[in-house]
Amino acid sequence: MKSKDLPQPKKKGSVVTQPVRGPRLLYRNVSLDIESLKGIKKAKIDLTSRLTAIMGVNGAGKTTVIHALACLYSPVDEKGTNYRFMNFFIPTTDATWQGSKLTLHYESKRPGDGAQWVAESKEYKKEADRWTRYEGRPKRNVTYLGINTCLPEIECTETNCTINYTSTKKTEPKDAKVVETASYILGKPYIALTSNTTLKKHKELMGVETSSGLKYSSLSMGTGEQRIKGL
């Protein structure tokens, strides 16, 4: 059957993986090793439970993990949705996501008496301008459930292409106050707010610069991080 594609998911929230029944593979002992993905480095996430909550302080990478989880499987049939990394990790002037790398570990087997569980792994990474080919992903229907409030900028974007923009530092007193307050709340070393104007549609995107020289726009921010600066 033909899988259903969704070019651009619009909502943020949680991911539901539906157990594969009938003649298809069953999975157990699932875990995710993130070598590098946005701001997450060398993290291991255990997904063996029937329900897993992704929790942490604002800006810790919860949204990033949920976006990644949605992209780990290929749909089994037309009931599933084919989420791809380009739906959530759109390259920009400051962030191309090259060097991203994560690995899904799991055991699988065919239903039936005598079938043995087989340990397997699937690596996902972005080298140059392309992510790992999607054909080799394990098959499992995934549903991405979102909420309609506090949407990250990335989920309001109507493109999967590279977004180029020009950046200008904001220097008004109120901007300095936002930097100070956001740094305190999130525990991050921000030194400036930036205004980023896209070259094609001239859309204004909020951005930040940190003491380490890292610069990024709201397209790369987590929900909490974007919301605090917006407030």
C-alpha atoms as a PDB file:
ATOM      1  CA  MET A   1       0.000   0.000   0.000  1.00  0.00           C
ATOM      2  CA  LYS A   2       1.069   3.571  -0.546  1.00  0.00           C
ATOM      3  CA  SER A   3       2.228   5.495   2.540  1.00  0.00           C
ATOM      4  CA  LYS A   4       0.695   8.842   3.328  1.00  0.00           C
ATOM      5  CA  ASP A   5       3.110  11.776   3.296  1.00  0.00           C
ATOM      6  CA  LEU A   6       2.671  14.873   5.390  1.00  0.00           C
ATOM      7  CA  PRO A   7       5.100  17.490   3.991  1.00  0.00           C
ATOM      8  CA  GLN A   8       4.950  19.763   7.013  1.00  0.00           C
ATOM      9  CA  PRO A   9       3.605  18.730  10.442  1.00  0.00           C
ATOM     10  CA  LYS A  10       1.984  21.709  12.131  1.00  0.00           C
ATOM     11  CA  LYS A  11       1.683  20.787  15.762  1.00  0.00           C
ATOM     12  CA  LYS A  12       3.879  20.095  18.736  1.00  0.00           C
ATOM     13  CA  GLY A  13       3.316  17.734  21.583  1.00  0.00           C
ATOM     14  CA  SER A  14       3.744  13.987  21.774  1.00  0.00           C
ATOM     15  CA  VAL A  15       4.396  10.931  19.659  1.00  0.00           C
ATOM     16  CA  VAL A  16       2.330   7.737  19.784  1.00  0.00           C
ATOM     17  CA  THR A  17       3.854   4.589  18.294  1.00  0.00           C
ATOM     18  CA  GLN A  18       1.279   1.952  17.414  1.00  0.00           C
ATOM     19  CA  PRO A  19       2.340  -1.693  18.005  1.00  0.00           C
ATOM     20  CA  VAL A  20       2.566  -3.629  14.772  1.00  0.00           C
ATOM     21  CA  ARG A  21       0.158  -6.586  14.683  1.00  0.00           C
ATOM     22  CA  GLY A  22      -0.534  -9.523  12.403  1.00  0.00           C
ATOM     23  CA  PRO A  23       2.304 -10.760  10.162  1.00  0.00           C
ATOM     24  CA  ARG A  24       4.424  -7.649  10.655  1.00  0.00           C
ATOM     25  CA  LEU A  25       7.360  -7.231  13.018  1.00  0.00           C
ATOM     26  CA  LEU A  26       6.997  -6.807  16.759  1.00  0.00           C
ATOM     27  CA  TYR A  27       9.425  -4.590  18.685  1.00  0.00           C
ATOM     28  CA  ARG A  28      10.772  -4.490  22.235  1.00  0.00           C
ATOM     29  CA  ASN A  29      13.704  -3.055  24.250  1.00  0.00           C
ATOM     30  CA  VAL A  30      13.721   0.142  22.205  1.00  0.00           C
ATOM     31  CA  SER A  31      16.232   2.895  23.014  1.00  0.00           C
ATOM     32  CA  LEU A  32      17.626   5.969  21.280  1.00  0.00           C
ATOM     33  CA  ASP A  33      21.257   7.129  21.419  1.00  0.00           C
ATOM     34  CA  ILE A  34      21.732  10.756  20.378  1.00  0.00           C
ATOM     35  CA  GLU A  35      25.336  11.541  19.508  1.00  0.00           C
ATOM     36  CA  SER A  36      24.522  15.064  18.319  1.00  0.00           C
ATOM     37  CA  LEU A  37      21.193  16.709  17.469  1.00  0.00           C
ATOM     38  CA  LYS A  38      20.689  20.466  17.811  1.00  0.00           C
ATOM     39  CA  GLY A  39      21.859  21.226  21.360  1.00  0.00           C
ATOM     40  CA  ILE A  40      21.725  17.608  22.581  1.00  0.00           C
ATOM     41  CA  LYS A  41      25.049  15.781  22.870  1.00  0.00           C
ATOM     42  CA  LYS A  42      25.634  12.136  23.883  1.00  0.00           C
ATOM     43  CA  ALA A  43      22.214  11.349  25.366  1.00  0.00           C
ATOM     44  CA  LYS A  44      20.592   7.922  25.777  1.00  0.00           C
ATOM     45  CA  ILE A  45      16.796   7.622  26.028  1.00  0.00           C
ATOM     46  CA  ASP A  46      15.166   4.382  27.189  1.00  0.00           C
ATOM     47  CA  LEU A  47      11.878   3.724  25.372  1.00  0.00           C
ATOM     48  CA  THR A  48      11.133   0.233  26.697  1.00  0.00           C
ATOM     49  CA  SER A  49       8.080   1.315  28.718  1.00  0.00           C
ATOM     50  CA  ARG A  50       4.616   1.528  27.227  1.00  0.00           C
ATOM     51  CA  LEU A  51       4.579   5.239  28.079  1.00  0.00           C
ATOM     52  CA  THR A  52       7.623   7.530  28.171  1.00  0.00           C
ATOM     53  CA  ALA A  53       7.541  11.171  29.319  1.00  0.00           C
ATOM     54  CA  ILE A  54      10.182  13.570  27.990  1.00  0.00           C
ATOM     55  CA  MET A  55      10.774  16.137  30.743  1.00  0.00           C
ATOM     56  CA  GLY A  56      13.334  18.844  31.444  1.00  0.00           C
ATOM     57  CA  VAL A  57      13.958  22.558  31.904  1.00  0.00           C
ATOM     58  CA  ASN A  58      13.116  25.029  29.141  1.00  0.00           C
ATOM     59  CA  GLY A  59      15.571  24.770  26.282  1.00  0.00           C
ATOM     60  CA  ALA A  60      16.822  21.311  27.309  1.00  0.00           C
ATOM     61  CA  GLY A  61      15.742  19.723  24.020  1.00  0.00           C
ATOM     62  CA  LYS A  62      12.361  18.116  24.757  1.00  0.00           C
ATOM     63  CA  THR A  63      10.879  19.337  21.476  1.00  0.00           C
ATOM     64  CA  THR A  64      13.969  18.161  19.597  1.00  0.00           C
ATOM     65  CA  VAL A  65      13.603  14.632  21.016  1.00  0.00           C
ATOM     66  CA  ILE A  66       9.901  14.448  20.135  1.00  0.00           C
ATOM     67  CA  HIS A  67      10.585  15.656  16.595  1.00  0.00           C
ATOM     68  CA  ALA A  68      13.301  13.016  16.208  1.00  0.00           C
ATOM     69  CA  LEU A  69      11.074  10.228  17.550  1.00  0.00           C
ATOM     70  CA  ALA A  70       8.444  11.011  14.920  1.00  0.00           C
ATOM     71  CA  CYS A  71      11.011  10.392  12.161  1.00  0.00           C
ATOM     72  CA  LEU A  72      12.449   7.043  13.286  1.00  0.00           C
ATOM     73  CA  TYR A  73       9.937   4.729  11.598  1.00  0.00           C
ATOM     74  CA  SER A  74       8.433   4.247   8.146  1.00  0.00           C
ATOM     75  CA  PRO A  75       4.637   3.814   8.036  1.00  0.00           C
ATOM     76  CA  VAL A  76       3.299   0.299   7.645  1.00  0.00           C
ATOM     77  CA  ASP A  77       0.225   1.276   5.614  1.00  0.00           C
ATOM     78  CA  GLU A  78      -1.978   4.229   4.672  1.00  0.00           C
ATOM     79  CA  LYS A  79      -2.975   4.713   8.329  1.00  0.00           C
ATOM     80  CA  GLY A  80       0.553   5.847   9.169  1.00  0.00           C
ATOM     81  CA  THR A  81       2.200   9.162   8.352  1.00  0.00           C
ATOM     82  CA  ASN A  82       5.640   9.441   6.791  1.00  0.00           C
ATOM     83  CA  TYR A  83       7.428  11.981   8.997  1.00  0.00           C
ATOM     84  CA  ARG A  84      10.877  13.042   7.782  1.00  0.00           C
ATOM     85  CA  PHE A  85      13.705  14.965   9.416  1.00  0.00           C
ATOM     86  CA  MET A  86      13.362  17.754   6.851  1.00  0.00           C
ATOM     87  CA  ASN A  87       9.884  18.446   8.255  1.00  0.00           C
ATOM     88  CA  PHE A  88      11.335  19.481  11.606  1.00  0.00           C
ATOM     89  CA  PHE A  89      15.046  20.199  11.057  1.00  0.00           C
ATOM     90  CA  ILE A  90      14.992  22.802   8.293  1.00  0.00           C
ATOM     91  CA  PRO A  91      18.479  24.165   7.460  1.00  0.00           C
ATOM     92  CA  THR A  92      19.057  27.899   7.934  1.00  0.00           C
ATOM     93  CA  THR A  93      21.910  30.373   7.578  1.00  0.00           C
ATOM     94  CA  ASP A  94      23.198  29.541  11.079  1.00  0.00           C
ATOM     95  CA  ALA A  95      22.165  25.896  11.366  1.00  0.00           C
ATOM     96  CA  THR A  96      22.440  23.330   8.571  1.00  0.00           C
ATOM     97  CA  TRP A  97      22.272  20.355  10.992  1.00  0.00           C
ATOM     98  CA  GLN A  98      25.298  18.755   9.327  1.00  0.00           C
ATOM     99  CA  GLY A  99      26.963  16.386  11.774  1.00  0.00           C
ATOM    100  CA  SER A 100      23.673  15.325  13.363  1.00  0.00           C
ATOM    101  CA  LYS A 101      23.779  11.658  14.357  1.00  0.00           C
ATOM    102  CA  LEU A 102      21.463   9.366  16.338  1.00  0.00           C
ATOM    103  CA  THR A 103      20.935   5.600  16.534  1.00  0.00           C
ATOM    104  CA  LEU A 104      17.777   3.606  17.260  1.00  0.00           C
ATOM    105  CA  HIS A 105      18.379   0.268  19.030  1.00  0.00           C
ATOM    106  CA  TYR A 106      15.667  -2.390  19.261  1.00  0.00           C
ATOM    107  CA  GLU A 107      14.812  -6.079  19.157  1.00  0.00           C
ATOM    108  CA  SER A 108      12.356  -7.368  16.566  1.00  0.00           C
ATOM    109  CA  LYS A 109      10.693 -10.611  15.534  1.00  0.00           C
ATOM    110  CA  ARG A 110       7.882 -11.986  13.416  1.00  0.00           C
ATOM    111  CA  PRO A 111       4.786 -13.044  15.369  1.00  0.00           C
ATOM    112  CA  GLY A 112       4.385 -16.781  15.802  1.00  0.00           C
ATOM    113  CA  ASP A 113       5.602 -19.707  17.844  1.00  0.00           C
ATOM    114  CA  GLY A 114       9.318 -20.308  17.657  1.00  0.00           C
ATOM    115  CA  ALA A 115      10.223 -16.866  16.339  1.00  0.00           C
ATOM    116  CA  GLN A 116      13.376 -15.436  17.890  1.00  0.00           C
ATOM    117  CA  TRP A 117      14.001 -11.848  18.950  1.00  0.00           C
ATOM    118  CA  VAL A 118      16.803 -10.264  16.894  1.00  0.00           C
ATOM    119  CA  ALA A 119      18.820  -7.259  18.112  1.00  0.00           C
ATOM    120  CA  GLU A 120      19.050  -4.529  15.477  1.00  0.00           C
ATOM    121  CA  SER A 121      20.149  -0.895  15.119  1.00  0.00           C
ATOM    122  CA  LYS A 122      19.346   1.894  12.664  1.00  0.00           C
ATOM    123  CA  GLU A 123      21.612   4.932  12.345  1.00  0.00           C
ATOM    124  CA  TYR A 124      20.328   8.326  11.240  1.00  0.00           C
ATOM    125  CA  LYS A 125      22.696  11.159  10.354  1.00  0.00           C
ATOM    126  CA  LYS A 126      23.099  14.180   8.145  1.00  0.00           C
ATOM    127  CA  GLU A 127      26.232  14.432   6.049  1.00  0.00           C
ATOM    128  CA  ALA A 128      26.629  17.302   3.567  1.00  0.00           C
ATOM    129  CA  ASP A 129      23.069  18.301   2.631  1.00  0.00           C
ATOM    130  CA  ARG A 130      21.189  15.004   3.003  1.00  0.00           C
ATOM    131  CA  TRP A 131      19.833  12.883   5.822  1.00  0.00           C
ATOM    132  CA  THR A 132      20.181   9.095   5.830  1.00  0.00           C
ATOM    133  CA  ARG A 133      17.930   7.434   3.244  1.00  0.00           C
ATOM    134  CA  TYR A 134      14.519   6.594   4.700  1.00  0.00           C
ATOM    135  CA  GLU A 135      13.957   3.241   2.987  1.00  0.00           C
ATOM    136  CA  GLY A 136      15.816   1.297   5.682  1.00  0.00           C
ATOM    137  CA  ARG A 137      13.814   2.543   8.652  1.00  0.00           C
ATOM    138  CA  PRO A 138      11.957  -0.058  10.744  1.00  0.00           C
ATOM    139  CA  LYS A 139       8.251  -0.113   9.904  1.00  0.00           C
ATOM    140  CA  ARG A 140       5.762   1.074  12.483  1.00  0.00           C
ATOM    141  CA  ASN A 141       2.820   3.461  12.301  1.00  0.00           C
ATOM    142  CA  VAL A 142       3.474   6.691  14.193  1.00  0.00           C
ATOM    143  CA  THR A 143       0.981   9.412  15.098  1.00  0.00           C
ATOM    144  CA  TYR A 144       2.259  12.857  16.030  1.00  0.00           C
ATOM    145  CA  LEU A 145      -0.169  14.554  18.435  1.00  0.00           C
ATOM    146  CA  GLY A 146       0.193  18.299  18.962  1.00  0.00           C
ATOM    147  CA  ILE A 147      -1.337  21.280  20.696  1.00  0.00           C
ATOM    148  CA  ASN A 148      -2.433  24.531  19.099  1.00  0.00           C
ATOM    149  CA  THR A 149      -0.792  26.961  21.524  1.00  0.00           C
ATOM    150  CA  CYS A 150       2.826  28.060  21.893  1.00  0.00           C
ATOM    151  CA  LEU A 151       3.798  26.605  18.531  1.00  0.00           C
ATOM    152  CA  PRO A 152       7.534  26.759  17.789  1.00  0.00           C
ATOM    153  CA  GLU A 153       8.349  28.937  14.782  1.00  0.00           C
ATOM    154  CA  ILE A 154       9.654  25.890  12.912  1.00  0.00           C
ATOM    155  CA  GLU A 155       6.171  24.325  12.907  1.00  0.00           C
ATOM    156  CA  CYS A 156       4.614  27.457  11.380  1.00  0.00           C
ATOM    157  CA  THR A 157       7.022  27.447   8.443  1.00  0.00           C
ATOM    158  CA  GLU A 158       5.628  26.532   5.030  1.00  0.00           C
ATOM    159  CA  THR A 159       8.865  25.310   3.441  1.00  0.00           C
ATOM    160  CA  ASN A 160      11.355  22.466   3.561  1.00  0.00           C
ATOM    161  CA  CYS A 161      14.050  24.466   1.747  1.00  0.00           C
ATOM    162  CA  THR A 162      17.037  26.314   3.192  1.00  0.00           C
ATOM    163  CA  ILE A 163      15.997  29.615   4.794  1.00  0.00           C
ATOM    164  CA  ASN A 164      18.569  32.388   4.410  1.00  0.00           C
ATOM    165  CA  TYR A 165      18.374  35.598   6.394  1.00  0.00           C
ATOM    166  CA  THR A 166      20.352  38.659   7.453  1.00  0.00           C
ATOM    167  CA  SER A 167      20.898  39.350  11.167  1.00  0.00           C
ATOM    168  CA  THR A 168      20.991  42.624  13.096  1.00  0.00           C
ATOM    169  CA  LYS A 169      21.665  42.974  16.824  1.00  0.00           C
ATOM    170  CA  LYS A 170      18.908  44.656  18.841  1.00  0.00           C
ATOM    171  CA  THR A 171      20.309  47.344  21.143  1.00  0.00           C
ATOM    172  CA  GLU A 172      17.351  49.015  22.857  1.00  0.00           C
ATOM    173  CA  PRO A 173      17.208  48.950  26.702  1.00  0.00           C
ATOM    174  CA  LYS A 174      14.205  46.591  26.658  1.00  0.00           C
ATOM    175  CA  ASP A 175      16.216  44.125  24.555  1.00  0.00           C
ATOM    176  CA  ALA A 176      18.994  44.087  27.155  1.00  0.00           C
ATOM    177  CA  LYS A 177      16.365  43.352  29.814  1.00  0.00           C
ATOM    178  CA  VAL A 178      15.046  40.409  27.800  1.00  0.00           C
ATOM    179  CA  VAL A 179      18.588  39.035  27.476  1.00  0.00           C
ATOM    180  CA  GLU A 180      19.180  39.357  31.220  1.00  0.00           C
ATOM    181  CA  THR A 181      15.839  37.815  32.202  1.00  0.00           C
ATOM    182  CA  ALA A 182      15.973  34.950  29.689  1.00  0.00           C
ATOM    183  CA  SER A 183      19.547  34.112  30.730  1.00  0.00           C
ATOM    184  CA  TYR A 184      18.453  33.898  34.364  1.00  0.00           C
ATOM    185  CA  ILE A 185      15.350  31.781  33.721  1.00  0.00           C
ATOM    186  CA  LEU A 186      16.915  29.358  31.247  1.00  0.00           C
ATOM    187  CA  GLY A 187      20.444  29.315  32.658  1.00  0.00           C
ATOM    188  CA  LYS A 188      21.954  30.105  29.255  1.00  0.00           C
ATOM    189  CA  PRO A 189      24.721  32.680  28.518  1.00  0.00           C
ATOM    190  CA  TYR A 190      22.820  34.940  26.110  1.00  0.00           C
ATOM    191  CA  ILE A 191      24.573  38.205  25.243  1.00  0.00           C
ATOM    192  CA  ALA A 192      22.267  39.693  22.600  1.00  0.00           C
ATOM    193  CA  LEU A 193      18.929  39.485  20.830  1.00  0.00           C
ATOM    194  CA  THR A 194      18.946  39.575  17.042  1.00  0.00           C
ATOM    195  CA  SER A 195      16.404  40.450  14.378  1.00  0.00           C
ATOM    196  CA  ASN A 196      16.649  38.109  11.389  1.00  0.00           C
ATOM    197  CA  THR A 197      15.034  39.085   8.073  1.00  0.00           C
ATOM    198  CA  THR A 198      14.485  36.296   5.546  1.00  0.00           C
ATOM    199  CA  LEU A 199      15.819  37.139   2.088  1.00  0.00           C
ATOM    200  CA  LYS A 200      12.851  35.853   0.088  1.00  0.00           C
ATOM    201  CA  LYS A 201       9.727  36.820   2.014  1.00  0.00           C
ATOM    202  CA  HIS A 202      11.285  39.457   4.308  1.00  0.00           C
ATOM    203  CA  LYS A 203       9.812  37.766   7.362  1.00  0.00           C
ATOM    204  CA  GLU A 204      11.176  38.831  10.743  1.00  0.00           C
ATOM    205  CA  LEU A 205      12.486  36.035  12.975  1.00  0.00           C
ATOM    206  CA  MET A 206      13.614  36.522  16.555  1.00  0.00           C
ATOM    207  CA  GLY A 207      17.129  35.304  17.319  1.00  0.00           C
ATOM    208  CA  VAL A 208      19.840  35.197  19.983  1.00  0.00           C
ATOM    209  CA  GLU A 209      23.621  35.180  20.350  1.00  0.00           C
ATOM    210  CA  THR A 210      25.484  33.489  23.214  1.00  0.00           C
ATOM    211  CA  SER A 211      28.820  34.216  24.865  1.00  0.00           C
ATOM    212  CA  SER A 212      30.376  31.255  23.019  1.00  0.00           C
ATOM    213  CA  GLY A 213      29.586  32.854  19.652  1.00  0.00           C
ATOM    214  CA  LEU A 214      26.616  30.593  18.904  1.00  0.00           C
ATOM    215  CA  LYS A 215      23.870  32.349  16.930  1.00  0.00           C
ATOM    216  CA  TYR A 216      20.447  30.971  16.041  1.00  0.00           C
ATOM    217  CA  SER A 217      16.943  32.111  15.160  1.00  0.00           C
ATOM    218  CA  SER A 218      13.537  31.145  16.537  1.00  0.00           C
ATOM    219  CA  LEU A 219      13.458  28.381  13.897  1.00  0.00           C
ATOM    220  CA  SER A 220      15.995  26.512  16.041  1.00  0.00           C
ATOM    221  CA  MET A 221      14.503  27.284  19.462  1.00  0.00           C
ATOM    222  CA  GLY A 222      12.523  24.937  21.658  1.00  0.00           C
ATOM    223  CA  THR A 223       8.977  25.871  22.601  1.00  0.00           C
ATOM    224  CA  GLY A 224       9.801  27.139  26.094  1.00  0.00           C
ATOM    225  CA  GLU A 225      12.838  29.099  24.938  1.00  0.00           C
ATOM    226  CA  GLN A 226      10.877  30.841  22.185  1.00  0.00           C
ATOM    227  CA  ARG A 227       7.914  31.509  24.447  1.00  0.00           C
ATOM    228  CA  ILE A 228       9.973  33.131  27.216  1.00  0.00           C
ATOM    229  CA  LYS A 229      11.699  35.523  24.809  1.00  0.00           C
ATOM    230  CA  GLY A 230       8.394  36.333  23.135  1.00  0.00           C
ATOM    231  CA  LEU A 231       6.783  37.188  26.456  1.00  0.00           C
END
